Amino acid sequence: LPYQPRMINRVIGDVATHLADLTARGFEFSDTRDARGNVV
């Protein structure tokens, strides 16, 4: 069928929602960044 682009905003939203659900269950999160401050 004609190509339909992926809905990247939905993917980002799903991940953010899942991270919030895990935080509510007691997960603690941190991030590691490179020298420029980008999340690795």
PDB file of all heavy atoms in Angstrom:
ATOM      1  N   LEU A   1       0.858  -1.176   0.000  1.00  0.00           N
ATOM      2  CA  LEU A   1       0.000   0.000   0.000  1.00  0.00           C
ATOM      3  C   LEU A   1       0.895   1.226   0.000  1.00  0.00           C
ATOM      4  O   LEU A   1       2.077   1.130   0.349  1.00  0.00           O
ATOM      5  CB  LEU A   1      -0.887  -0.003   1.251  1.00  0.00           C
ATOM      6  CG  LEU A   1      -1.892  -1.161   1.329  1.00  0.00           C
ATOM      7  CD1 LEU A   1      -2.589  -1.124   2.678  1.00  0.00           C
ATOM      8  CD2 LEU A   1      -2.892  -1.069   0.202  1.00  0.00           C
ATOM      9  N   PRO A   2       0.379   2.393  -0.347  1.00  0.00           N
ATOM     10  CA  PRO A   2       1.211   3.600  -0.262  1.00  0.00           C
ATOM     11  C   PRO A   2       1.797   3.737   1.143  1.00  0.00           C
ATOM     12  O   PRO A   2       1.125   3.454   2.129  1.00  0.00           O
ATOM     13  CB  PRO A   2       0.237   4.733  -0.574  1.00  0.00           C
ATOM     14  CG  PRO A   2      -0.863   4.078  -1.334  1.00  0.00           C
ATOM     15  CD  PRO A   2      -0.966   2.677  -0.807  1.00  0.00           C
ATOM     16  N   TYR A   3       3.034   4.156   1.195  1.00  0.00           N
ATOM     17  CA  TYR A   3       3.744   4.282   2.473  1.00  0.00           C
ATOM     18  C   TYR A   3       3.077   5.297   3.383  1.00  0.00           C
ATOM     19  O   TYR A   3       2.732   6.392   2.967  1.00  0.00           O
ATOM     20  CB  TYR A   3       5.204   4.704   2.218  1.00  0.00           C
ATOM     21  CG  TYR A   3       5.949   5.052   3.475  1.00  0.00           C
ATOM     22  CD1 TYR A   3       6.245   4.073   4.406  1.00  0.00           C
ATOM     23  CD2 TYR A   3       6.312   6.361   3.743  1.00  0.00           C
ATOM     24  CE1 TYR A   3       6.905   4.377   5.570  1.00  0.00           C
ATOM     25  CE2 TYR A   3       6.986   6.680   4.912  1.00  0.00           C
ATOM     26  CZ  TYR A   3       7.283   5.683   5.819  1.00  0.00           C
ATOM     27  OH  TYR A   3       7.926   6.001   6.975  1.00  0.00           O
ATOM     28  N   GLN A   4       2.866   4.904   4.623  1.00  0.00           N
ATOM     29  CA  GLN A   4       2.356   5.804   5.654  1.00  0.00           C
ATOM     30  C   GLN A   4       3.468   6.012   6.677  1.00  0.00           C
ATOM     31  O   GLN A   4       3.965   5.033   7.238  1.00  0.00           O
ATOM     32  CB  GLN A   4       1.129   5.196   6.351  1.00  0.00           C
ATOM     33  CG  GLN A   4      -0.050   4.985   5.428  1.00  0.00           C
ATOM     34  CD  GLN A   4      -0.621   6.303   4.960  1.00  0.00           C
ATOM     35  OE1 GLN A   4      -0.756   7.241   5.735  1.00  0.00           O
ATOM     36  NE2 GLN A   4      -0.935   6.393   3.683  1.00  0.00           N
ATOM     37  N   PRO A   5       3.892   7.250   6.938  1.00  0.00           N
ATOM     38  CA  PRO A   5       4.975   7.468   7.897  1.00  0.00           C
ATOM     39  C   PRO A   5       4.573   7.027   9.300  1.00  0.00           C
ATOM     40  O   PRO A   5       3.412   7.086   9.660  1.00  0.00           O
ATOM     41  CB  PRO A   5       5.203   8.982   7.834  1.00  0.00           C
ATOM     42  CG  PRO A   5       3.977   9.544   7.245  1.00  0.00           C
ATOM     43  CD  PRO A   5       3.372   8.480   6.386  1.00  0.00           C
ATOM     44  N   ARG A   6       5.565   6.542  10.046  1.00  0.00           N
ATOM     45  CA  ARG A   6       5.311   6.143  11.438  1.00  0.00           C
ATOM     46  C   ARG A   6       4.946   7.359  12.257  1.00  0.00           C
ATOM     47  O   ARG A   6       5.419   8.457  12.006  1.00  0.00           O
ATOM     48  CB  ARG A   6       6.564   5.504  12.042  1.00  0.00           C
ATOM     49  CG  ARG A   6       6.849   4.161  11.467  1.00  0.00           C
ATOM     50  CD  ARG A   6       7.954   3.441  12.163  1.00  0.00           C
ATOM     51  NE  ARG A   6       8.942   4.326  12.736  1.00  0.00           N
ATOM     52  CZ  ARG A   6       9.640   4.033  13.819  1.00  0.00           C
ATOM     53  NH1 ARG A   6       9.452   2.916  14.432  1.00  0.00           N
ATOM     54  NH2 ARG A   6      10.540   4.861  14.274  1.00  0.00           N
ATOM     55  N   MET A   7       4.128   7.145  13.249  1.00  0.00           N
ATOM     56  CA  MET A   7       3.731   8.243  14.124  1.00  0.00           C
ATOM     57  C   MET A   7       4.718   8.309  15.280  1.00  0.00           C
ATOM     58  O   MET A   7       4.494   7.750  16.347  1.00  0.00           O
ATOM     59  CB  MET A   7       2.306   8.030  14.631  1.00  0.00           C
ATOM     60  CG  MET A   7       1.275   8.125  13.534  1.00  0.00           C
ATOM     61  SD  MET A   7      -0.406   7.886  14.133  1.00  0.00           S
ATOM     62  CE  MET A   7      -0.530   9.146  15.366  1.00  0.00           C
ATOM     63  N   ILE A   8       5.851   8.973  15.057  1.00  0.00           N
ATOM     64  CA  ILE A   8       6.904   9.033  16.077  1.00  0.00           C
ATOM     65  C   ILE A   8       6.401   9.708  17.346  1.00  0.00           C
ATOM     66  O   ILE A   8       6.796   9.346  18.442  1.00  0.00           O
ATOM     67  CB  ILE A   8       8.183   9.719  15.529  1.00  0.00           C
ATOM     68  CG1 ILE A   8       9.353   9.519  16.498  1.00  0.00           C
ATOM     69  CG2 ILE A   8       7.952  11.194  15.268  1.00  0.00           C
ATOM     70  CD1 ILE A   8       9.855   8.119  16.562  1.00  0.00           C
ATOM     71  N   ASN A   9       5.474  10.665  17.218  1.00  0.00           N
ATOM     72  CA  ASN A   9       4.956  11.317  18.416  1.00  0.00           C
ATOM     73  C   ASN A   9       4.200  10.332  19.297  1.00  0.00           C
ATOM     74  O   ASN A   9       4.234  10.424  20.512  1.00  0.00           O
ATOM     75  CB  ASN A   9       4.087  12.535  18.055  1.00  0.00           C
ATOM     76  CG  ASN A   9       2.982  12.196  17.077  1.00  0.00           C
ATOM     77  OD1 ASN A   9       2.934  11.109  16.522  1.00  0.00           O
ATOM     78  ND2 ASN A   9       2.114  13.150  16.856  1.00  0.00           N
ATOM     79  N   ARG A  10       3.507   9.337  18.688  1.00  0.00           N
ATOM     80  CA  ARG A  10       2.814   8.333  19.484  1.00  0.00           C
ATOM     81  C   ARG A  10       3.822   7.437  20.198  1.00  0.00           C
ATOM     82  O   ARG A  10       3.646   7.066  21.349  1.00  0.00           O
ATOM     83  CB  ARG A  10       1.890   7.494  18.612  1.00  0.00           C
ATOM     84  CG  ARG A  10       0.922   6.671  19.473  1.00  0.00           C
ATOM     85  CD  ARG A  10       0.102   5.726  18.656  1.00  0.00           C
ATOM     86  NE  ARG A  10       0.686   4.429  18.948  1.00  0.00           N
ATOM     87  CZ  ARG A  10       0.785   3.429  18.105  1.00  0.00           C
ATOM     88  NH1 ARG A  10       0.343   3.547  16.893  1.00  0.00           N
ATOM     89  NH2 ARG A  10       1.330   2.307  18.460  1.00  0.00           N
ATOM     90  N   VAL A  11       4.911   7.091  19.515  1.00  0.00           N
ATOM     91  CA  VAL A  11       5.939   6.252  20.118  1.00  0.00           C
ATOM     92  C   VAL A  11       6.559   6.962  21.316  1.00  0.00           C
ATOM     93  O   VAL A  11       6.700   6.387  22.390  1.00  0.00           O
ATOM     94  CB  VAL A  11       7.028   5.884  19.078  1.00  0.00           C
ATOM     95  CG1 VAL A  11       8.187   5.164  19.735  1.00  0.00           C
ATOM     96  CG2 VAL A  11       6.421   5.027  17.973  1.00  0.00           C
ATOM     97  N   ILE A  12       6.893   8.251  21.149  1.00  0.00           N
ATOM     98  CA  ILE A  12       7.468   9.021  22.250  1.00  0.00           C
ATOM     99  C   ILE A  12       6.472   9.103  23.400  1.00  0.00           C
ATOM    100  O   ILE A  12       6.827   8.918  24.560  1.00  0.00           O
ATOM    101  CB  ILE A  12       7.880  10.430  21.782  1.00  0.00           C
ATOM    102  CG1 ILE A  12       9.063  10.324  20.820  1.00  0.00           C
ATOM    103  CG2 ILE A  12       8.230  11.333  22.962  1.00  0.00           C
ATOM    104  CD1 ILE A  12       9.406  11.614  20.106  1.00  0.00           C
ATOM    105  N   GLY A  13       5.196   9.341  23.072  1.00  0.00           N
ATOM    106  CA  GLY A  13       4.163   9.426  24.104  1.00  0.00           C
ATOM    107  C   GLY A  13       4.000   8.128  24.863  1.00  0.00           C
ATOM    108  O   GLY A  13       3.844   8.119  26.079  1.00  0.00           O
ATOM    109  N   ASP A  14       4.014   6.977  24.143  1.00  0.00           N
ATOM    110  CA  ASP A  14       3.896   5.676  24.791  1.00  0.00           C
ATOM    111  C   ASP A  14       5.048   5.445  25.763  1.00  0.00           C
ATOM    112  O   ASP A  14       4.847   4.992  26.885  1.00  0.00           O
ATOM    113  CB  ASP A  14       3.881   4.542  23.754  1.00  0.00           C
ATOM    114  CG  ASP A  14       2.570   4.439  23.001  1.00  0.00           C
ATOM    115  OD1 ASP A  14       1.585   5.086  23.409  1.00  0.00           O
ATOM    116  OD2 ASP A  14       2.543   3.709  21.986  1.00  0.00           O
ATOM    117  N   VAL A  15       6.263   5.736  25.329  1.00  0.00           N
ATOM    118  CA  VAL A  15       7.436   5.532  26.188  1.00  0.00           C
ATOM    119  C   VAL A  15       7.342   6.413  27.430  1.00  0.00           C
ATOM    120  O   VAL A  15       7.570   5.952  28.547  1.00  0.00           O
ATOM    121  CB  VAL A  15       8.750   5.782  25.413  1.00  0.00           C
ATOM    122  CG1 VAL A  15       9.941   5.821  26.356  1.00  0.00           C
ATOM    123  CG2 VAL A  15       8.947   4.695  24.360  1.00  0.00           C
ATOM    124  N   ALA A  16       6.970   7.677  27.262  1.00  0.00           N
ATOM    125  CA  ALA A  16       6.831   8.585  28.410  1.00  0.00           C
ATOM    126  C   ALA A  16       5.768   8.078  29.377  1.00  0.00           C
ATOM    127  O   ALA A  16       5.957   8.102  30.602  1.00  0.00           O
ATOM    128  CB  ALA A  16       6.509   9.994  27.930  1.00  0.00           C
ATOM    129  N   THR A  17       4.658   7.590  28.845  1.00  0.00           N
ATOM    130  CA  THR A  17       3.583   7.052  29.693  1.00  0.00           C
ATOM    131  C   THR A  17       4.063   5.819  30.441  1.00  0.00           C
ATOM    132  O   THR A  17       3.817   5.674  31.644  1.00  0.00           O
ATOM    133  CB  THR A  17       2.347   6.711  28.834  1.00  0.00           C
ATOM    134  OG1 THR A  17       1.894   7.904  28.203  1.00  0.00           O
ATOM    135  CG2 THR A  17       1.229   6.120  29.676  1.00  0.00           C
ATOM    136  N   HIS A  18       4.762   4.910  29.759  1.00  0.00           N
ATOM    137  CA  HIS A  18       5.274   3.698  30.407  1.00  0.00           C
ATOM    138  C   HIS A  18       6.290   4.046  31.497  1.00  0.00           C
ATOM    139  O   HIS A  18       6.287   3.433  32.570  1.00  0.00           O
ATOM    140  CB  HIS A  18       5.905   2.758  29.391  1.00  0.00           C
ATOM    141  CG  HIS A  18       4.946   2.217  28.371  1.00  0.00           C
ATOM    142  ND1 HIS A  18       3.620   1.940  28.623  1.00  0.00           N
ATOM    143  CD2 HIS A  18       5.129   1.895  27.078  1.00  0.00           C
ATOM    144  CE1 HIS A  18       3.035   1.477  27.541  1.00  0.00           C
ATOM    145  NE2 HIS A  18       3.937   1.448  26.572  1.00  0.00           N
ATOM    146  N   LEU A  19       7.160   5.025  31.234  1.00  0.00           N
ATOM    147  CA  LEU A  19       8.130   5.440  32.257  1.00  0.00           C
ATOM    148  C   LEU A  19       7.411   6.010  33.477  1.00  0.00           C
ATOM    149  O   LEU A  19       7.805   5.749  34.619  1.00  0.00           O
ATOM    150  CB  LEU A  19       9.119   6.454  31.683  1.00  0.00           C
ATOM    151  CG  LEU A  19      10.115   5.906  30.654  1.00  0.00           C
ATOM    152  CD1 LEU A  19      10.953   7.037  30.071  1.00  0.00           C
ATOM    153  CD2 LEU A  19      11.001   4.834  31.257  1.00  0.00           C
ATOM    154  N   ALA A  20       6.355   6.774  33.258  1.00  0.00           N
ATOM    155  CA  ALA A  20       5.572   7.313  34.375  1.00  0.00           C
ATOM    156  C   ALA A  20       4.915   6.188  35.169  1.00  0.00           C
ATOM    157  O   ALA A  20       4.888   6.212  36.411  1.00  0.00           O
ATOM    158  CB  ALA A  20       4.522   8.299  33.856  1.00  0.00           C
ATOM    159  N   ASP A  21       4.379   5.171  34.469  1.00  0.00           N
ATOM    160  CA  ASP A  21       3.766   4.024  35.146  1.00  0.00           C
ATOM    161  C   ASP A  21       4.795   3.258  35.971  1.00  0.00           C
ATOM    162  O   ASP A  21       4.508   2.838  37.099  1.00  0.00           O
ATOM    163  CB  ASP A  21       3.116   3.082  34.128  1.00  0.00           C
ATOM    164  CG  ASP A  21       1.887   3.674  33.454  1.00  0.00           C
ATOM    165  OD1 ASP A  21       1.350   4.688  33.961  1.00  0.00           O
ATOM    166  OD2 ASP A  21       1.477   3.129  32.404  1.00  0.00           O
ATOM    167  N   LEU A  22       5.993   3.074  35.433  1.00  0.00           N
ATOM    168  CA  LEU A  22       7.049   2.391  36.179  1.00  0.00           C
ATOM    169  C   LEU A  22       7.490   3.211  37.393  1.00  0.00           C
ATOM    170  O   LEU A  22       7.754   2.657  38.459  1.00  0.00           O
ATOM    171  CB  LEU A  22       8.239   2.083  35.267  1.00  0.00           C
ATOM    172  CG  LEU A  22       7.995   0.974  34.234  1.00  0.00           C
ATOM    173  CD1 LEU A  22       9.140   0.916  33.228  1.00  0.00           C
ATOM    174  CD2 LEU A  22       7.799  -0.376  34.910  1.00  0.00           C
ATOM    175  N   THR A  23       7.564   4.522  37.245  1.00  0.00           N
ATOM    176  CA  THR A  23       7.911   5.392  38.374  1.00  0.00           C
ATOM    177  C   THR A  23       6.869   5.240  39.478  1.00  0.00           C
ATOM    178  O   THR A  23       7.216   5.167  40.665  1.00  0.00           O
ATOM    179  CB  THR A  23       8.021   6.857  37.913  1.00  0.00           C
ATOM    180  OG1 THR A  23       9.047   6.941  36.919  1.00  0.00           O
ATOM    181  CG2 THR A  23       8.377   7.775  39.070  1.00  0.00           C
ATOM    182  N   ALA A  24       5.592   5.174  39.108  1.00  0.00           N
ATOM    183  CA  ALA A  24       4.526   4.994  40.091  1.00  0.00           C
ATOM    184  C   ALA A  24       4.661   3.652  40.815  1.00  0.00           C
ATOM    185  O   ALA A  24       4.214   3.520  41.955  1.00  0.00           O
ATOM    186  CB  ALA A  24       3.166   5.099  39.409  1.00  0.00           C
ATOM    187  N   ARG A  25       5.297   2.675  40.185  1.00  0.00           N
ATOM    188  CA  ARG A  25       5.505   1.360  40.801  1.00  0.00           C
ATOM    189  C   ARG A  25       6.783   1.297  41.635  1.00  0.00           C
ATOM    190  O   ARG A  25       7.131   0.244  42.145  1.00  0.00           O
ATOM    191  CB  ARG A  25       5.555   0.275  39.735  1.00  0.00           C
ATOM    192  CG  ARG A  25       4.213   0.034  39.092  1.00  0.00           C
ATOM    193  CD  ARG A  25       4.281  -1.161  38.190  1.00  0.00           C
ATOM    194  NE  ARG A  25       3.009  -1.347  37.530  1.00  0.00           N
ATOM    195  CZ  ARG A  25       2.719  -2.382  36.781  1.00  0.00           C
ATOM    196  NH1 ARG A  25       3.619  -3.322  36.602  1.00  0.00           N
ATOM    197  NH2 ARG A  25       1.546  -2.483  36.212  1.00  0.00           N
ATOM    198  N   GLY A  26       7.510   2.399  41.716  1.00  0.00           N
ATOM    199  CA  GLY A  26       8.692   2.425  42.560  1.00  0.00           C
ATOM    200  C   GLY A  26      10.025   2.428  41.842  1.00  0.00           C
ATOM    201  O   GLY A  26      11.073   2.387  42.480  1.00  0.00           O
ATOM    202  N   PHE A  27      10.013   2.459  40.505  1.00  0.00           N
ATOM    203  CA  PHE A  27      11.269   2.562  39.782  1.00  0.00           C
ATOM    204  C   PHE A  27      11.864   3.945  39.980  1.00  0.00           C
ATOM    205  O   PHE A  27      11.140   4.940  40.039  1.00  0.00           O
ATOM    206  CB  PHE A  27      11.056   2.333  38.274  1.00  0.00           C
ATOM    207  CG  PHE A  27      11.074   0.899  37.866  1.00  0.00           C
ATOM    208  CD1 PHE A  27       9.963   0.103  38.039  1.00  0.00           C
ATOM    209  CD2 PHE A  27      12.218   0.332  37.310  1.00  0.00           C
ATOM    210  CE1 PHE A  27       9.964  -1.226  37.665  1.00  0.00           C
ATOM    211  CE2 PHE A  27      12.232  -0.992  36.925  1.00  0.00           C
ATOM    212  CZ  PHE A  27      11.101  -1.778  37.108  1.00  0.00           C
ATOM    213  N   GLU A  28      13.175   3.993  40.080  1.00  0.00           N
ATOM    214  CA  GLU A  28      13.899   5.261  40.120  1.00  0.00           C
ATOM    215  C   GLU A  28      14.750   5.327  38.863  1.00  0.00           C
ATOM    216  O   GLU A  28      15.455   4.369  38.534  1.00  0.00           O
ATOM    217  CB  GLU A  28      14.754   5.359  41.369  1.00  0.00           C
ATOM    218  CG  GLU A  28      13.912   5.434  42.636  1.00  0.00           C
ATOM    219  CD  GLU A  28      14.747   5.668  43.875  1.00  0.00           C
ATOM    220  OE1 GLU A  28      15.874   6.195  43.754  1.00  0.00           O
ATOM    221  OE2 GLU A  28      14.265   5.317  44.959  1.00  0.00           O
ATOM    222  N   PHE A  29      14.670   6.468  38.155  1.00  0.00           N
ATOM    223  CA  PHE A  29      15.349   6.618  36.873  1.00  0.00           C
ATOM    224  C   PHE A  29      16.441   7.669  36.937  1.00  0.00           C
ATOM    225  O   PHE A  29      16.362   8.634  37.701  1.00  0.00           O
ATOM    226  CB  PHE A  29      14.342   7.009  35.774  1.00  0.00           C
ATOM    227  CG  PHE A  29      13.447   5.883  35.371  1.00  0.00           C
ATOM    228  CD1 PHE A  29      12.221   5.706  35.991  1.00  0.00           C
ATOM    229  CD2 PHE A  29      13.844   4.986  34.404  1.00  0.00           C
ATOM    230  CE1 PHE A  29      11.394   4.656  35.638  1.00  0.00           C
ATOM    231  CE2 PHE A  29      13.035   3.929  34.034  1.00  0.00           C
ATOM    232  CZ  PHE A  29      11.797   3.765  34.658  1.00  0.00           C
ATOM    233  N   SER A  30      17.466   7.456  36.124  1.00  0.00           N
ATOM    234  CA  SER A  30      18.523   8.446  35.931  1.00  0.00           C
ATOM    235  C   SER A  30      18.946   8.359  34.478  1.00  0.00           C
ATOM    236  O   SER A  30      18.598   7.419  33.763  1.00  0.00           O
ATOM    237  CB  SER A  30      19.713   8.169  36.862  1.00  0.00           C
ATOM    238  OG  SER A  30      20.310   6.938  36.529  1.00  0.00           O
ATOM    239  N   ASP A  31      19.684   9.369  34.035  1.00  0.00           N
ATOM    240  CA  ASP A  31      20.183   9.322  32.664  1.00  0.00           C
ATOM    241  C   ASP A  31      21.675   9.582  32.653  1.00  0.00           C
ATOM    242  O   ASP A  31      22.219  10.188  33.562  1.00  0.00           O
ATOM    243  CB  ASP A  31      19.450  10.309  31.747  1.00  0.00           C
ATOM    244  CG  ASP A  31      19.572  11.744  32.197  1.00  0.00           C
ATOM    245  OD1 ASP A  31      20.709  12.260  32.282  1.00  0.00           O
ATOM    246  OD2 ASP A  31      18.542  12.378  32.462  1.00  0.00           O
ATOM    247  N   THR A  32      22.318   9.066  31.627  1.00  0.00           N
ATOM    248  CA  THR A  32      23.738   9.301  31.396  1.00  0.00           C
ATOM    249  C   THR A  32      23.847  10.180  30.166  1.00  0.00           C
ATOM    250  O   THR A  32      23.188   9.927  29.164  1.00  0.00           O
ATOM    251  CB  THR A  32      24.481   7.964  31.163  1.00  0.00           C
ATOM    252  OG1 THR A  32      24.261   7.121  32.289  1.00  0.00           O
ATOM    253  CG2 THR A  32      25.963   8.194  30.947  1.00  0.00           C
ATOM    254  N   ARG A  33      24.663  11.224  30.257  1.00  0.00           N
ATOM    255  CA  ARG A  33      24.805  12.172  29.151  1.00  0.00           C
ATOM    256  C   ARG A  33      26.237  12.199  28.653  1.00  0.00           C
ATOM    257  O   ARG A  33      27.167  11.932  29.404  1.00  0.00           O
ATOM    258  CB  ARG A  33      24.390  13.570  29.611  1.00  0.00           C
ATOM    259  CG  ARG A  33      22.917  13.621  29.965  1.00  0.00           C
ATOM    260  CD  ARG A  33      22.517  14.964  30.573  1.00  0.00           C
ATOM    261  NE  ARG A  33      21.127  14.943  30.956  1.00  0.00           N
ATOM    262  CZ  ARG A  33      20.145  15.457  30.224  1.00  0.00           C
ATOM    263  NH1 ARG A  33      20.422  16.052  29.095  1.00  0.00           N
ATOM    264  NH2 ARG A  33      18.898  15.388  30.630  1.00  0.00           N
ATOM    265  N   ASP A  34      26.378  12.560  27.384  1.00  0.00           N
ATOM    266  CA  ASP A  34      27.718  12.701  26.824  1.00  0.00           C
ATOM    267  C   ASP A  34      28.277  14.079  27.175  1.00  0.00           C
ATOM    268  O   ASP A  34      27.638  14.864  27.890  1.00  0.00           O
ATOM    269  CB  ASP A  34      27.726  12.448  25.314  1.00  0.00           C
ATOM    270  CG  ASP A  34      26.902  13.461  24.520  1.00  0.00           C
ATOM    271  OD1 ASP A  34      26.552  14.528  25.058  1.00  0.00           O
ATOM    272  OD2 ASP A  34      26.614  13.169  23.341  1.00  0.00           O
ATOM    273  N   ALA A  35      29.460  14.392  26.688  1.00  0.00           N
ATOM    274  CA  ALA A  35      30.136  15.643  27.020  1.00  0.00           C
ATOM    275  C   ALA A  35      29.340  16.874  26.589  1.00  0.00           C
ATOM    276  O   ALA A  35      29.477  17.945  27.182  1.00  0.00           O
ATOM    277  CB  ALA A  35      31.527  15.683  26.378  1.00  0.00           C
ATOM    278  N   ARG A  36      28.477  16.727  25.586  1.00  0.00           N
ATOM    279  CA  ARG A  36      27.676  17.858  25.109  1.00  0.00           C
ATOM    280  C   ARG A  36      26.328  17.974  25.819  1.00  0.00           C
ATOM    281  O   ARG A  36      25.539  18.849  25.522  1.00  0.00           O
ATOM    282  CB  ARG A  36      27.462  17.741  23.608  1.00  0.00           C
ATOM    283  CG  ARG A  36      28.795  17.802  22.848  1.00  0.00           C
ATOM    284  CD  ARG A  36      28.563  17.918  21.426  1.00  0.00           C
ATOM    285  NE  ARG A  36      27.955  19.230  21.179  1.00  0.00           N
ATOM    286  CZ  ARG A  36      27.871  19.793  20.003  1.00  0.00           C
ATOM    287  NH1 ARG A  36      28.345  19.164  18.969  1.00  0.00           N
ATOM    288  NH2 ARG A  36      27.314  20.960  19.847  1.00  0.00           N
ATOM    289  N   GLY A  37      26.042  17.042  26.730  1.00  0.00           N
ATOM    290  CA  GLY A  37      24.788  17.085  27.464  1.00  0.00           C
ATOM    291  C   GLY A  37      23.664  16.284  26.842  1.00  0.00           C
ATOM    292  O   GLY A  37      22.540  16.304  27.324  1.00  0.00           O
ATOM    293  N   ASN A  38      23.938  15.542  25.768  1.00  0.00           N
ATOM    294  CA  ASN A  38      22.921  14.726  25.123  1.00  0.00           C
ATOM    295  C   ASN A  38      22.706  13.431  25.900  1.00  0.00           C
ATOM    296  O   ASN A  38      23.665  12.808  26.352  1.00  0.00           O
ATOM    297  CB  ASN A  38      23.324  14.382  23.688  1.00  0.00           C
ATOM    298  CG  ASN A  38      23.477  15.623  22.847  1.00  0.00           C
ATOM    299  OD1 ASN A  38      22.611  16.480  22.824  1.00  0.00           O
ATOM    300  ND2 ASN A  38      24.610  15.730  22.161  1.00  0.00           N
ATOM    301  N   VAL A  39      21.451  13.014  26.056  1.00  0.00           N
ATOM    302  CA  VAL A  39      21.141  11.779  26.756  1.00  0.00           C
ATOM    303  C   VAL A  39      21.637  10.594  25.932  1.00  0.00           C
ATOM    304  O   VAL A  39      21.321  10.473  24.756  1.00  0.00           O
ATOM    305  CB  VAL A  39      19.624  11.655  27.020  1.00  0.00           C
ATOM    306  CG1 VAL A  39      19.292  10.303  27.636  1.00  0.00           C
ATOM    307  CG2 VAL A  39      19.136  12.787  27.908  1.00  0.00           C
ATOM    308  N   VAL A  40      22.433   9.731  26.572  1.00  0.00           N
ATOM    309  CA  VAL A  40      22.977   8.557  25.921  1.00  0.00           C
ATOM    310  C   VAL A  40      22.182   7.316  26.319  1.00  0.00           C
ATOM    311  O   VAL A  40      21.896   6.448  25.508  1.00  0.00           O
ATOM    312  CB  VAL A  40      24.469   8.369  26.277  1.00  0.00           C
ATOM    313  CG1 VAL A  40      25.036   7.107  25.667  1.00  0.00           C
ATOM    314  CG2 VAL A  40      25.272   9.580  25.857  1.00  0.00           C
TER     315      VAL A  40
END
